[in-house]
Amino acid sequence: DVSTSGANWNLQVPADLINLRLILVSGKTKEFLFSPNDSAADIAKHVYDNWPMDWEEEQVSSPNILRLIYQGRFLHGNVTLGALKLPFGKTTVMHLVARETLPEPNSQGQRNREKTGESNCCVIL
């Protein structure tokens, strides 16, 4: 067994579950197992309730501001992993960000941003 780094890259994911590797803006990652019936809101709550020790600096005040980004898109809270057609028994990477509101659909997004005069943009590297 050569996995001395603590990373569980070769962890066997159960065939009926989906392994999510969540990446913070800081670049820290952690993996969690979820069922296809779990929604983005369920995942946010689970991660909040089981906040990893080494994510302490990124701790948030409420699970309601945790947002998942999959393939560049913010997921709404009621979207389930099954609805995203994620592969069972495999690892899917998502970004996890703290954000009060979901971005508006594109048509209004620009206008609203100019009105408030502030931008809550985050760069994902």
N, C-alpha and C. Protein backbone atom coordinates (compact mmCIF):
# COMPACT_ATOMS: atom_id res chain seq x y z
N ASP A 1 0.85 -1.20 0.00
CA ASP A 1 0.00 0.00 0.00
C ASP A 1 0.87 1.23 0.00
N VAL A 2 0.81 1.99 -1.07
CA VAL A 2 1.68 3.16 -1.20
C VAL A 2 0.96 4.47 -0.89
N SER A 3 -0.29 4.40 -0.43
CA SER A 3 -1.02 5.64 -0.20
C SER A 3 -0.68 6.23 1.17
N THR A 4 0.50 6.81 1.27
CA THR A 4 0.93 7.39 2.55
C THR A 4 0.57 8.87 2.64
N SER A 5 0.17 9.46 1.53
CA SER A 5 -0.11 10.90 1.52
C SER A 5 -1.43 11.23 2.21
N GLY A 6 -2.24 10.24 2.50
CA GLY A 6 -3.54 10.52 3.12
C GLY A 6 -4.62 10.75 2.08
N ALA A 7 -4.23 10.98 0.84
CA ALA A 7 -5.24 11.17 -0.20
C ALA A 7 -5.84 9.82 -0.56
N ASN A 8 -7.14 9.80 -0.77
CA ASN A 8 -7.76 8.50 -1.06
C ASN A 8 -8.11 8.41 -2.54
N TRP A 9 -7.09 8.59 -3.39
CA TRP A 9 -7.31 8.57 -4.83
C TRP A 9 -7.83 7.22 -5.29
N ASN A 10 -7.30 6.15 -4.69
CA ASN A 10 -7.68 4.83 -5.19
C ASN A 10 -8.74 4.20 -4.30
N LEU A 11 -9.48 5.03 -3.59
CA LEU A 11 -10.58 4.54 -2.75
C LEU A 11 -11.64 3.92 -3.65
N GLN A 12 -12.13 2.77 -3.25
CA GLN A 12 -13.19 2.14 -4.04
C GLN A 12 -14.52 2.80 -3.69
N VAL A 13 -15.14 3.42 -4.66
CA VAL A 13 -16.43 4.07 -4.43
C VAL A 13 -17.53 3.02 -4.58
N PRO A 14 -18.45 2.93 -3.61
CA PRO A 14 -19.56 1.96 -3.75
C PRO A 14 -20.32 2.19 -5.06
N ALA A 15 -20.76 1.11 -5.68
CA ALA A 15 -21.35 1.18 -7.01
C ALA A 15 -22.66 1.97 -7.06
N ASP A 16 -23.33 2.12 -5.90
CA ASP A 16 -24.61 2.85 -5.92
C ASP A 16 -24.47 4.27 -5.38
N LEU A 17 -23.22 4.70 -5.14
CA LEU A 17 -23.01 6.05 -4.62
C LEU A 17 -22.15 6.86 -5.57
N ILE A 18 -22.11 8.17 -5.32
CA ILE A 18 -21.32 9.09 -6.12
C ILE A 18 -20.33 9.76 -5.18
N ASN A 19 -19.06 9.70 -5.53
CA ASN A 19 -18.04 10.35 -4.72
C ASN A 19 -17.82 11.76 -5.24
N LEU A 20 -18.06 12.76 -4.39
CA LEU A 20 -17.84 14.14 -4.80
C LEU A 20 -16.52 14.64 -4.23
N ARG A 21 -15.66 15.12 -5.09
CA ARG A 21 -14.45 15.80 -4.63
C ARG A 21 -14.75 17.29 -4.70
N LEU A 22 -14.88 17.91 -3.54
CA LEU A 22 -15.24 19.32 -3.49
C LEU A 22 -13.97 20.16 -3.35
N ILE A 23 -13.88 21.19 -4.17
CA ILE A 23 -12.71 22.07 -4.17
C ILE A 23 -13.13 23.46 -3.70
N LEU A 24 -12.43 23.96 -2.68
CA LEU A 24 -12.69 25.31 -2.21
C LEU A 24 -11.94 26.31 -3.08
N VAL A 25 -12.30 27.59 -2.96
CA VAL A 25 -11.61 28.63 -3.71
C VAL A 25 -10.12 28.63 -3.35
N SER A 26 -9.81 28.28 -2.11
CA SER A 26 -8.42 28.24 -1.65
C SER A 26 -7.63 27.09 -2.28
N GLY A 27 -8.34 26.15 -2.92
CA GLY A 27 -7.67 25.01 -3.55
C GLY A 27 -7.71 23.75 -2.70
N LYS A 28 -8.17 23.85 -1.45
CA LYS A 28 -8.27 22.66 -0.61
C LYS A 28 -9.39 21.76 -1.13
N THR A 29 -9.18 20.46 -1.02
CA THR A 29 -10.20 19.52 -1.49
C THR A 29 -10.55 18.52 -0.41
N LYS A 30 -11.74 17.98 -0.51
CA LYS A 30 -12.18 16.91 0.39
C LYS A 30 -13.20 16.09 -0.37
N GLU A 31 -13.24 14.79 -0.09
CA GLU A 31 -14.19 13.92 -0.79
C GLU A 31 -15.29 13.45 0.14
N PHE A 32 -16.49 13.40 -0.39
CA PHE A 32 -17.67 12.96 0.35
C PHE A 32 -18.47 12.01 -0.53
N LEU A 33 -19.09 11.01 0.08
CA LEU A 33 -19.96 10.08 -0.66
C LEU A 33 -21.41 10.52 -0.55
N PHE A 34 -22.13 10.51 -1.66
CA PHE A 34 -23.54 10.88 -1.66
C PHE A 34 -24.35 9.91 -2.50
N SER A 35 -25.64 9.87 -2.22
CA SER A 35 -26.53 9.05 -3.04
C SER A 35 -27.10 9.93 -4.15
N PRO A 36 -27.57 9.31 -5.25
CA PRO A 36 -28.11 10.10 -6.36
C PRO A 36 -29.35 10.90 -5.97
N ASN A 37 -29.99 10.53 -4.86
CA ASN A 37 -31.18 11.28 -4.42
C ASN A 37 -30.82 12.55 -3.65
N ASP A 38 -29.55 12.70 -3.29
CA ASP A 38 -29.14 13.89 -2.54
C ASP A 38 -29.17 15.11 -3.45
N SER A 39 -29.73 16.20 -2.93
CA SER A 39 -29.79 17.44 -3.71
C SER A 39 -28.60 18.33 -3.34
N ALA A 40 -28.41 19.37 -4.12
CA ALA A 40 -27.31 20.31 -3.83
C ALA A 40 -27.48 20.89 -2.43
N ALA A 41 -28.72 21.15 -2.00
CA ALA A 41 -28.96 21.68 -0.66
C ALA A 41 -28.59 20.64 0.41
N ASP A 42 -28.92 19.37 0.15
CA ASP A 42 -28.56 18.29 1.09
C ASP A 42 -27.03 18.21 1.24
N ILE A 43 -26.35 18.33 0.11
CA ILE A 43 -24.89 18.24 0.11
C ILE A 43 -24.30 19.40 0.90
N ALA A 44 -24.81 20.60 0.66
CA ALA A 44 -24.31 21.78 1.39
C ALA A 44 -24.49 21.58 2.89
N LYS A 45 -25.66 21.05 3.29
CA LYS A 45 -25.92 20.85 4.71
C LYS A 45 -24.99 19.78 5.28
N HIS A 46 -24.81 18.70 4.55
CA HIS A 46 -23.94 17.62 5.02
C HIS A 46 -22.50 18.12 5.20
N VAL A 47 -22.01 18.87 4.21
CA VAL A 47 -20.64 19.37 4.29
C VAL A 47 -20.52 20.35 5.46
N TYR A 48 -21.54 21.20 5.62
CA TYR A 48 -21.53 22.16 6.73
C TYR A 48 -21.50 21.43 8.08
N ASP A 49 -22.32 20.38 8.20
CA ASP A 49 -22.40 19.62 9.46
C ASP A 49 -21.15 18.78 9.71
N ASN A 50 -20.42 18.47 8.65
CA ASN A 50 -19.21 17.62 8.77
C ASN A 50 -17.99 18.38 8.24
N TRP A 51 -17.90 19.64 8.62
CA TRP A 51 -16.86 20.53 8.07
C TRP A 51 -15.47 19.96 8.38
N PRO A 52 -14.65 19.73 7.36
CA PRO A 52 -13.33 19.13 7.60
C PRO A 52 -12.44 20.02 8.47
N MET A 53 -11.65 19.38 9.32
CA MET A 53 -10.76 20.10 10.23
C MET A 53 -9.82 21.04 9.48
N ASP A 54 -9.27 20.56 8.36
CA ASP A 54 -8.28 21.40 7.66
C ASP A 54 -8.93 22.47 6.78
N TRP A 55 -10.24 22.62 6.87
CA TRP A 55 -10.93 23.71 6.16
C TRP A 55 -11.32 24.81 7.14
N GLU A 56 -10.71 24.79 8.33
CA GLU A 56 -11.16 25.68 9.40
C GLU A 56 -11.21 27.15 8.99
N GLU A 57 -10.20 27.61 8.24
CA GLU A 57 -10.18 29.03 7.85
C GLU A 57 -11.35 29.39 6.96
N GLU A 58 -11.91 28.41 6.26
CA GLU A 58 -12.99 28.67 5.32
C GLU A 58 -14.37 28.43 5.92
N GLN A 59 -14.43 28.13 7.23
CA GLN A 59 -15.73 27.82 7.87
C GLN A 59 -16.74 28.94 7.59
N VAL A 60 -17.96 28.56 7.25
CA VAL A 60 -19.01 29.54 6.97
C VAL A 60 -20.03 29.52 8.10
N SER A 61 -20.85 30.58 8.16
CA SER A 61 -21.79 30.72 9.27
C SER A 61 -23.07 29.93 9.08
N SER A 62 -23.36 29.54 7.84
CA SER A 62 -24.62 28.86 7.58
C SER A 62 -24.50 27.97 6.34
N PRO A 63 -25.18 26.81 6.34
CA PRO A 63 -25.12 25.95 5.15
C PRO A 63 -25.85 26.60 3.97
N ASN A 64 -26.71 27.57 4.25
CA ASN A 64 -27.52 28.18 3.18
C ASN A 64 -26.70 29.01 2.21
N ILE A 65 -25.46 29.36 2.57
CA ILE A 65 -24.67 30.16 1.63
C ILE A 65 -23.65 29.31 0.88
N LEU A 66 -23.64 28.00 1.16
CA LEU A 66 -22.72 27.12 0.42
C LEU A 66 -23.32 26.77 -0.94
N ARG A 67 -22.58 27.01 -1.99
CA ARG A 67 -23.06 26.74 -3.35
C ARG A 67 -22.12 25.78 -4.05
N LEU A 68 -22.71 24.89 -4.83
CA LEU A 68 -21.93 23.96 -5.63
C LEU A 68 -21.86 24.46 -7.07
N ILE A 69 -20.69 24.33 -7.65
CA ILE A 69 -20.52 24.67 -9.07
C ILE A 69 -20.07 23.40 -9.78
N TYR A 70 -20.84 23.01 -10.79
CA TYR A 70 -20.51 21.82 -11.57
C TYR A 70 -20.42 22.21 -13.03
N GLN A 71 -19.27 21.93 -13.64
CA GLN A 71 -19.03 22.28 -15.05
C GLN A 71 -19.33 23.75 -15.31
N GLY A 72 -18.89 24.60 -14.38
CA GLY A 72 -19.02 26.04 -14.57
C GLY A 72 -20.38 26.62 -14.25
N ARG A 73 -21.31 25.79 -13.79
CA ARG A 73 -22.66 26.28 -13.49
C ARG A 73 -22.98 26.15 -12.02
N PHE A 74 -23.62 27.17 -11.46
CA PHE A 74 -24.12 27.05 -10.09
C PHE A 74 -25.31 26.10 -10.08
N LEU A 75 -25.33 25.20 -9.08
CA LEU A 75 -26.45 24.26 -8.97
C LEU A 75 -27.50 24.84 -8.03
N HIS A 76 -28.75 24.78 -8.44
CA HIS A 76 -29.82 25.18 -7.55
C HIS A 76 -30.00 24.11 -6.48
N GLY A 77 -30.48 24.53 -5.31
CA GLY A 77 -30.56 23.65 -4.15
C GLY A 77 -31.37 22.39 -4.35
N ASN A 78 -32.35 22.43 -5.26
CA ASN A 78 -33.23 21.25 -5.42
C ASN A 78 -32.74 20.28 -6.48
N VAL A 79 -31.62 20.56 -7.13
CA VAL A 79 -31.09 19.66 -8.16
C VAL A 79 -30.42 18.47 -7.49
N THR A 80 -30.82 17.26 -7.87
CA THR A 80 -30.20 16.07 -7.29
C THR A 80 -29.03 15.61 -8.15
N LEU A 81 -28.16 14.82 -7.53
CA LEU A 81 -27.02 14.28 -8.27
C LEU A 81 -27.49 13.36 -9.39
N GLY A 82 -28.59 12.63 -9.12
CA GLY A 82 -29.14 11.75 -10.15
C GLY A 82 -29.59 12.53 -11.37
N ALA A 83 -30.19 13.71 -11.14
CA ALA A 83 -30.67 14.54 -12.25
C ALA A 83 -29.52 15.04 -13.11
N LEU A 84 -28.33 15.16 -12.51
CA LEU A 84 -27.15 15.62 -13.25
C LEU A 84 -26.51 14.48 -14.04
N LYS A 85 -27.06 13.26 -13.88
CA LYS A 85 -26.54 12.08 -14.56
C LYS A 85 -25.06 11.83 -14.23
N LEU A 86 -24.71 12.02 -12.97
CA LEU A 86 -23.33 11.78 -12.56
C LEU A 86 -23.08 10.26 -12.54
N PRO A 87 -21.87 9.85 -12.87
CA PRO A 87 -21.58 8.41 -12.91
C PRO A 87 -21.52 7.80 -11.52
N PHE A 88 -22.19 6.67 -11.34
CA PHE A 88 -22.14 5.94 -10.07
C PHE A 88 -20.77 5.31 -9.88
N GLY A 89 -20.36 5.18 -8.64
CA GLY A 89 -19.12 4.48 -8.34
C GLY A 89 -17.88 5.21 -8.81
N LYS A 90 -18.03 6.49 -9.16
CA LYS A 90 -16.89 7.27 -9.64
C LYS A 90 -16.81 8.59 -8.88
N THR A 91 -15.70 9.28 -9.09
CA THR A 91 -15.50 10.57 -8.44
C THR A 91 -15.84 11.69 -9.41
N THR A 92 -16.67 12.63 -8.95
CA THR A 92 -17.00 13.82 -9.73
C THR A 92 -16.47 15.02 -8.97
N VAL A 93 -15.86 15.94 -9.69
CA VAL A 93 -15.28 17.12 -9.05
C VAL A 93 -16.26 18.28 -9.15
N MET A 94 -16.49 18.96 -8.03
CA MET A 94 -17.30 20.18 -8.02
C MET A 94 -16.58 21.23 -7.20
N HIS A 95 -16.89 22.48 -7.46
CA HIS A 95 -16.36 23.56 -6.64
C HIS A 95 -17.39 23.93 -5.58
N LEU A 96 -16.90 24.31 -4.42
CA LEU A 96 -17.77 24.72 -3.32
C LEU A 96 -17.41 26.15 -2.95
N VAL A 97 -18.39 27.04 -3.06
CA VAL A 97 -18.13 28.44 -2.73
C VAL A 97 -19.18 28.95 -1.75
N ALA A 98 -18.80 29.96 -0.98
CA ALA A 98 -19.74 30.61 -0.07
C ALA A 98 -20.30 31.82 -0.79
N ARG A 99 -21.62 31.85 -0.95
CA ARG A 99 -22.23 32.93 -1.71
C ARG A 99 -23.68 33.08 -1.28
N GLU A 100 -24.08 34.30 -0.98
CA GLU A 100 -25.44 34.53 -0.46
C GLU A 100 -26.52 34.14 -1.46
N THR A 101 -26.35 34.57 -2.72
CA THR A 101 -27.41 34.34 -3.70
C THR A 101 -26.84 33.69 -4.94
N LEU A 102 -27.69 33.02 -5.67
CA LEU A 102 -27.27 32.46 -6.94
C LEU A 102 -27.24 33.59 -7.97
N PRO A 103 -26.35 33.50 -8.95
CA PRO A 103 -26.34 34.55 -9.98
C PRO A 103 -27.64 34.56 -10.76
N GLU A 104 -28.00 35.74 -11.22
CA GLU A 104 -29.22 35.89 -12.02
C GLU A 104 -29.00 35.23 -13.38
N PRO A 105 -30.08 34.89 -14.06
CA PRO A 105 -29.90 34.47 -15.46
C PRO A 105 -29.21 35.59 -16.23
N ASN A 106 -28.46 35.22 -17.25
CA ASN A 106 -27.57 36.17 -17.92
C ASN A 106 -28.20 37.50 -18.31
N SER A 107 -29.44 37.50 -18.75
CA SER A 107 -30.02 38.73 -19.27
C SER A 107 -30.02 39.85 -18.23
N GLN A 108 -30.33 39.50 -16.96
CA GLN A 108 -30.40 40.55 -15.95
C GLN A 108 -29.08 40.73 -15.20
N GLY A 109 -28.22 39.73 -15.27
CA GLY A 109 -26.99 39.75 -14.48
C GLY A 109 -26.18 41.01 -14.63
N GLN A 110 -25.93 41.43 -15.87
CA GLN A 110 -25.12 42.62 -16.12
C GLN A 110 -25.74 43.84 -15.48
N ARG A 111 -27.03 44.02 -15.73
CA ARG A 111 -27.70 45.23 -15.27
C ARG A 111 -27.64 45.35 -13.75
N ASN A 112 -27.94 44.24 -13.07
CA ASN A 112 -27.95 44.27 -11.61
C ASN A 112 -26.58 44.60 -11.04
N ARG A 113 -25.55 44.06 -11.67
CA ARG A 113 -24.21 44.28 -11.15
C ARG A 113 -23.85 45.75 -11.25
N GLU A 114 -24.24 46.39 -12.36
CA GLU A 114 -23.91 47.80 -12.53
C GLU A 114 -24.67 48.64 -11.51
N LYS A 115 -25.90 48.23 -11.22
CA LYS A 115 -26.73 49.00 -10.29
C LYS A 115 -26.12 49.02 -8.89
N THR A 116 -25.68 47.88 -8.40
CA THR A 116 -25.17 47.83 -7.03
C THR A 116 -23.76 48.43 -6.95
N GLY A 117 -23.05 48.40 -8.05
CA GLY A 117 -21.72 48.98 -8.04
C GLY A 117 -20.67 48.13 -7.33
N GLU A 118 -21.04 46.93 -6.92
CA GLU A 118 -20.04 46.06 -6.31
C GLU A 118 -20.07 44.74 -7.04
N SER A 119 -18.94 44.06 -7.05
CA SER A 119 -18.96 42.76 -7.70
C SER A 119 -18.52 41.71 -6.70
N ASN A 120 -19.27 40.62 -6.63
CA ASN A 120 -18.92 39.51 -5.75
C ASN A 120 -18.37 38.39 -6.61
N CYS A 121 -17.33 38.68 -7.32
CA CYS A 121 -16.81 37.72 -8.27
C CYS A 121 -15.77 36.83 -7.60
N CYS A 122 -15.72 35.61 -8.00
CA CYS A 122 -14.64 34.78 -7.48
C CYS A 122 -13.94 34.11 -8.65
N VAL A 123 -12.64 34.00 -8.55
CA VAL A 123 -11.86 33.41 -9.63
C VAL A 123 -11.55 31.97 -9.25
N ILE A 124 -11.89 31.06 -10.12
CA ILE A 124 -11.61 29.65 -9.87
C ILE A 124 -10.44 29.27 -10.77
N LEU A 125 -9.35 28.88 -10.13
CA LEU A 125 -8.14 28.58 -10.91
C LEU A 125 -8.10 27.11 -11.29
